[in-house]
Amino acid sequence: MKILQIEATSASDGVVKQILANIECGELRPGDRLPTQEQLGEMLGVGRSSIREATNALAIMGYLEIIQGRGTFIKSMTPAKDESEVAAHLFGVAPSLLNLLEMRELLECYAIEKAADRASEERLEELKQAMDDLEACREKVSDFLSADLALHLAIAMAAEMPELAEIIRHIHVAVNNRLPVAFTTSTEQNIHKAIDTAQKICLYIVMGEAGQAKRCLRNHLAISRAVIENFKE
């Protein structure tokens, strides 16, 4: 895979654009296997959570197929709409951050309920890995938003609902495009609290206790809500 000169707003966005550019120029063709997450991370100079977030997004959009135990492959089918088109369709009028958090709560509580009920062992392992990546952000808080998104996508994928994962992703992107500014005025303590609550969400999903996991999600979102309310947009 070629490394191309591109502009990106985040590490995961850069990975998405690199892969799409390689598909468009013919460097990557249908059926080709991508390098491993570790190899891609080394090639592009980004963390594993950013690679996972990007490949999950491209799989949801229809560009990639992730086959457990085999790897990630370029799909031959026509992909879904470009992400920017989907985002424009969903959010033609920019909603407030607080309204977006309410949408997240509704959708992600449903994803948690389904994940707790029917997640496969493979999906639970992916969820645990995403949680490990988020845990690492205690030492590198600059990666928090990217790793947090990867975790929430892993929850939706554990529910075996890729369509819901796509919607959740766009809501996260719409929030995160403005939230980093708010988080720079926040404290590391808030980020550590968010990681703590995320751990509990994952624990209860693995235990099959959806009610407790949803309670922890609300506590998790309450941290972002408090940050937003203290930050004047």
Protein backbone atom coordinates (compact mmCIF):
# COMPACT_ATOMS: atom_id res chain seq x y z
CA MET A 1 0.00 0.00 0.00
CA LYS A 2 1.36 3.43 -0.95
CA ILE A 3 1.65 6.26 1.57
CA LEU A 4 0.09 9.32 -0.05
CA GLN A 5 0.20 13.00 0.90
CA ILE A 6 -3.24 13.84 2.28
CA GLU A 7 -4.87 16.24 4.72
CA ALA A 8 -6.73 14.77 7.68
CA THR A 9 -8.54 16.07 10.75
CA SER A 10 -7.62 13.11 12.97
CA ALA A 11 -5.45 9.99 12.97
CA SER A 12 -8.34 7.68 12.08
CA ASP A 13 -9.54 10.10 9.39
CA GLY A 14 -6.05 9.97 7.89
CA VAL A 15 -6.13 6.17 7.80
CA VAL A 16 -9.56 6.18 6.13
CA LYS A 17 -8.38 8.62 3.48
CA GLN A 18 -5.14 6.69 2.86
CA ILE A 19 -7.02 3.45 2.26
CA LEU A 20 -9.68 5.12 0.08
CA ALA A 21 -7.00 6.88 -1.97
CA ASN A 22 -5.22 3.57 -2.55
CA ILE A 23 -8.51 1.99 -3.65
CA GLU A 24 -9.29 4.87 -6.00
CA CYS A 25 -5.85 4.83 -7.65
CA GLY A 26 -5.98 1.05 -8.11
CA GLU A 27 -3.15 0.27 -5.70
CA LEU A 28 -5.67 -1.74 -3.66
CA ARG A 29 -8.05 -3.93 -5.66
CA PRO A 30 -11.10 -6.06 -4.78
CA GLY A 31 -9.95 -9.15 -2.92
CA ASP A 32 -6.64 -7.64 -1.78
CA ARG A 33 -5.77 -8.18 1.85
CA LEU A 34 -4.76 -5.18 3.94
CA PRO A 35 -1.62 -5.27 6.05
CA THR A 36 -2.22 -6.22 9.69
CA GLN A 37 -3.27 -3.55 12.18
CA GLU A 38 0.25 -3.53 13.60
CA GLN A 39 1.79 -3.15 10.14
CA LEU A 40 -0.62 -0.38 9.15
CA GLY A 41 0.09 1.43 12.40
CA GLU A 42 3.82 1.33 11.71
CA MET A 43 3.36 2.40 8.08
CA LEU A 44 1.09 5.33 8.93
CA GLY A 45 2.55 6.26 12.29
CA VAL A 46 -0.71 5.93 14.24
CA GLY A 47 -1.97 3.83 17.13
CA ARG A 48 -3.87 0.56 16.93
CA SER A 49 -7.13 2.15 18.12
CA SER A 50 -7.02 4.58 15.17
CA ILE A 51 -6.44 1.69 12.75
CA ARG A 52 -9.31 -0.29 14.27
CA GLU A 53 -11.65 2.72 14.18
CA ALA A 54 -10.80 3.40 10.53
CA THR A 55 -11.14 -0.19 9.31
CA ASN A 56 -14.41 -0.66 11.22
CA ALA A 57 -15.74 2.51 9.62
CA LEU A 58 -14.71 1.40 6.13
CA ALA A 59 -16.28 -2.01 6.73
CA ILE A 60 -19.52 -0.33 7.78
CA MET A 61 -19.36 1.90 4.69
CA GLY A 62 -18.95 -1.16 2.46
CA TYR A 63 -15.32 -0.81 1.35
CA LEU A 64 -13.78 -3.55 3.50
CA GLU A 65 -14.68 -7.02 4.71
CA ILE A 66 -13.25 -8.14 8.05
CA ILE A 67 -12.99 -11.94 8.24
CA GLN A 68 -12.18 -13.30 11.68
CA GLY A 69 -8.93 -15.25 11.69
CA ARG A 70 -8.08 -14.31 8.09
CA GLY A 71 -7.74 -10.56 7.92
CA THR A 72 -9.28 -7.50 6.29
CA PHE A 73 -10.01 -7.48 2.55
CA ILE A 74 -11.09 -4.96 -0.07
CA LYS A 75 -14.70 -5.68 -1.05
CA SER A 76 -15.84 -5.95 -4.65
CA MET A 77 -19.32 -4.54 -4.05
CA THR A 78 -20.25 -0.89 -4.51
CA PRO A 79 -19.73 0.87 -1.18
CA ALA A 80 -22.24 2.88 0.74
CA LYS A 81 -22.46 6.64 0.33
CA ASP A 82 -19.43 8.72 1.16
CA GLU A 83 -19.28 9.47 4.87
CA SER A 84 -19.67 13.19 4.32
CA GLU A 85 -22.86 12.59 2.33
CA VAL A 86 -24.31 10.42 5.07
CA ALA A 87 -23.40 12.95 7.74
CA ALA A 88 -24.98 15.75 5.73
CA HIS A 89 -28.13 13.69 5.32
CA LEU A 90 -28.31 12.89 9.03
CA PHE A 91 -27.37 16.34 10.26
CA GLY A 92 -28.48 18.82 7.63
CA VAL A 93 -29.02 21.32 10.42
CA ALA A 94 -26.25 21.17 13.01
CA PRO A 95 -27.80 19.89 16.26
CA SER A 96 -26.55 20.94 19.67
CA LEU A 97 -23.98 18.79 21.42
CA LEU A 98 -26.40 18.05 24.24
CA ASN A 99 -29.07 16.84 21.80
CA LEU A 100 -26.51 14.59 20.15
CA LEU A 101 -25.64 13.10 23.54
CA GLU A 102 -29.32 12.30 24.07
CA MET A 103 -29.39 10.56 20.70
CA ARG A 104 -26.30 8.59 21.70
CA GLU A 105 -27.95 7.50 24.94
CA LEU A 106 -31.03 6.19 23.14
CA LEU A 107 -29.12 4.32 20.43
CA GLU A 108 -26.27 3.02 22.54
CA CYS A 109 -28.54 1.74 25.30
CA TYR A 110 -30.24 -0.35 22.63
CA ALA A 111 -26.86 -1.55 21.30
CA ILE A 112 -25.79 -2.50 24.83
CA GLU A 113 -28.98 -4.48 25.39
CA LYS A 114 -28.44 -6.48 22.22
CA ALA A 115 -24.70 -6.93 22.80
CA ALA A 116 -25.28 -8.25 26.32
CA ASP A 117 -27.80 -10.72 24.93
CA ARG A 118 -26.10 -12.09 21.83
CA ALA A 119 -22.44 -11.05 21.49
CA SER A 120 -20.24 -13.86 20.18
CA GLU A 121 -16.97 -14.80 21.86
CA GLU A 122 -15.06 -13.20 18.98
CA ARG A 123 -16.97 -9.95 19.34
CA LEU A 124 -16.40 -9.95 23.10
CA GLU A 125 -12.68 -10.38 22.51
CA GLU A 126 -12.75 -7.39 20.16
CA LEU A 127 -14.60 -5.43 22.83
CA LYS A 128 -12.00 -6.35 25.45
CA GLN A 129 -9.20 -5.29 23.10
CA ALA A 130 -10.92 -1.95 22.45
CA MET A 131 -11.20 -1.48 26.21
CA ASP A 132 -7.49 -2.22 26.62
CA ASP A 133 -6.74 0.47 24.03
CA LEU A 134 -8.94 2.95 25.90
CA GLU A 135 -7.25 2.03 29.18
CA ALA A 136 -3.91 2.98 27.60
CA CYS A 137 -5.22 6.53 27.23
CA ARG A 138 -4.64 7.08 30.94
CA GLU A 139 -1.02 7.59 29.90
CA LYS A 140 -1.79 9.35 26.61
CA VAL A 141 -5.00 11.34 26.98
CA SER A 142 -4.62 12.86 23.50
CA ASP A 143 -5.82 9.53 22.07
CA PHE A 144 -8.92 9.38 24.26
CA LEU A 145 -11.59 10.52 21.78
CA SER A 146 -10.37 8.16 19.06
CA ALA A 147 -10.14 5.17 21.42
CA ASP A 148 -13.51 6.00 22.98
CA LEU A 149 -15.17 5.97 19.56
CA ALA A 150 -13.51 2.66 18.73
CA LEU A 151 -14.93 1.18 21.94
CA HIS A 152 -18.48 2.34 21.25
CA LEU A 153 -18.28 0.98 17.71
CA ALA A 154 -17.09 -2.33 19.16
CA ILE A 155 -20.19 -2.41 21.37
CA ALA A 156 -22.47 -1.84 18.38
CA MET A 157 -20.64 -4.50 16.37
CA ALA A 158 -20.95 -6.90 19.32
CA ALA A 159 -24.70 -6.37 18.97
CA GLU A 160 -24.30 -7.59 15.34
CA MET A 161 -25.90 -4.37 14.10
CA PRO A 162 -23.49 -2.73 11.62
CA GLU A 163 -26.21 -0.34 10.42
CA LEU A 164 -26.63 0.98 13.96
CA ALA A 165 -22.85 1.21 14.29
CA GLU A 166 -22.79 3.47 11.24
CA ILE A 167 -25.33 5.85 12.76
CA ILE A 168 -23.52 5.86 16.10
CA ARG A 169 -20.25 6.62 14.34
CA HIS A 170 -21.68 9.66 12.59
CA ILE A 171 -23.10 10.99 15.85
CA HIS A 172 -19.72 10.55 17.52
CA VAL A 173 -17.98 12.33 14.64
CA ALA A 174 -20.45 15.21 14.81
CA VAL A 175 -19.79 15.54 18.55
CA ASN A 176 -16.04 14.98 18.40
CA ASN A 177 -15.53 17.61 15.71
CA ARG A 178 -16.34 20.18 18.40
CA LEU A 179 -15.70 18.32 21.63
CA PRO A 180 -11.86 18.27 21.56
CA VAL A 181 -11.85 22.01 22.25
CA ALA A 182 -14.03 21.44 25.30
CA PHE A 183 -11.87 18.58 26.50
CA THR A 184 -8.72 20.74 26.41
CA THR A 185 -10.37 22.86 29.11
CA SER A 186 -11.30 19.75 31.06
CA THR A 187 -9.10 17.76 33.41
CA GLU A 188 -7.39 14.42 33.14
CA GLN A 189 -9.58 13.41 36.05
CA ASN A 190 -12.67 13.61 33.82
CA ILE A 191 -11.02 11.41 31.21
CA HIS A 192 -10.01 8.89 33.87
CA LYS A 193 -13.60 8.85 35.13
CA ALA A 194 -14.82 8.22 31.58
CA ILE A 195 -12.41 5.31 31.23
CA ASP A 196 -13.58 3.90 34.58
CA THR A 197 -17.23 4.00 33.52
CA ALA A 198 -16.38 2.48 30.12
CA GLN A 199 -14.68 -0.42 31.91
CA LYS A 200 -17.87 -1.07 33.84
CA ILE A 201 -19.97 -0.94 30.66
CA CYS A 202 -17.79 -3.62 29.08
CA LEU A 203 -17.72 -5.75 32.23
CA TYR A 204 -21.50 -5.83 32.47
CA ILE A 205 -21.90 -6.57 28.75
CA VAL A 206 -19.57 -9.56 29.12
CA MET A 207 -21.59 -10.67 32.17
CA GLY A 208 -24.83 -10.30 30.19
CA GLU A 209 -26.20 -7.68 32.59
CA ALA A 210 -27.69 -5.14 30.19
CA GLY A 211 -29.44 -3.07 32.85
CA GLN A 212 -26.26 -2.40 34.78
CA ALA A 213 -24.34 -1.71 31.57
CA LYS A 214 -26.93 0.87 30.49
CA ARG A 215 -26.73 2.56 33.89
CA CYS A 216 -22.97 2.83 33.47
CA LEU A 217 -23.41 4.24 29.95
CA ARG A 218 -25.57 7.04 31.36
CA ASN A 219 -22.87 7.77 33.93
CA HIS A 220 -20.31 7.72 31.11
CA LEU A 221 -22.28 10.23 29.04
CA ALA A 222 -22.91 12.40 32.10
CA ILE A 223 -19.19 13.19 32.17
CA SER A 224 -19.28 14.54 28.61
CA ARG A 225 -22.50 16.39 29.37
CA ALA A 226 -20.88 18.14 32.34
CA VAL A 227 -17.86 19.12 30.24
CA ILE A 228 -20.10 20.53 27.51
CA GLU A 229 -22.30 22.45 29.94
CA ASN A 230 -19.21 24.06 31.46
CA PHE A 231 -17.87 24.98 28.03
CA LYS A 232 -19.62 27.74 26.12
CA GLU A 233 -19.92 26.80 22.46
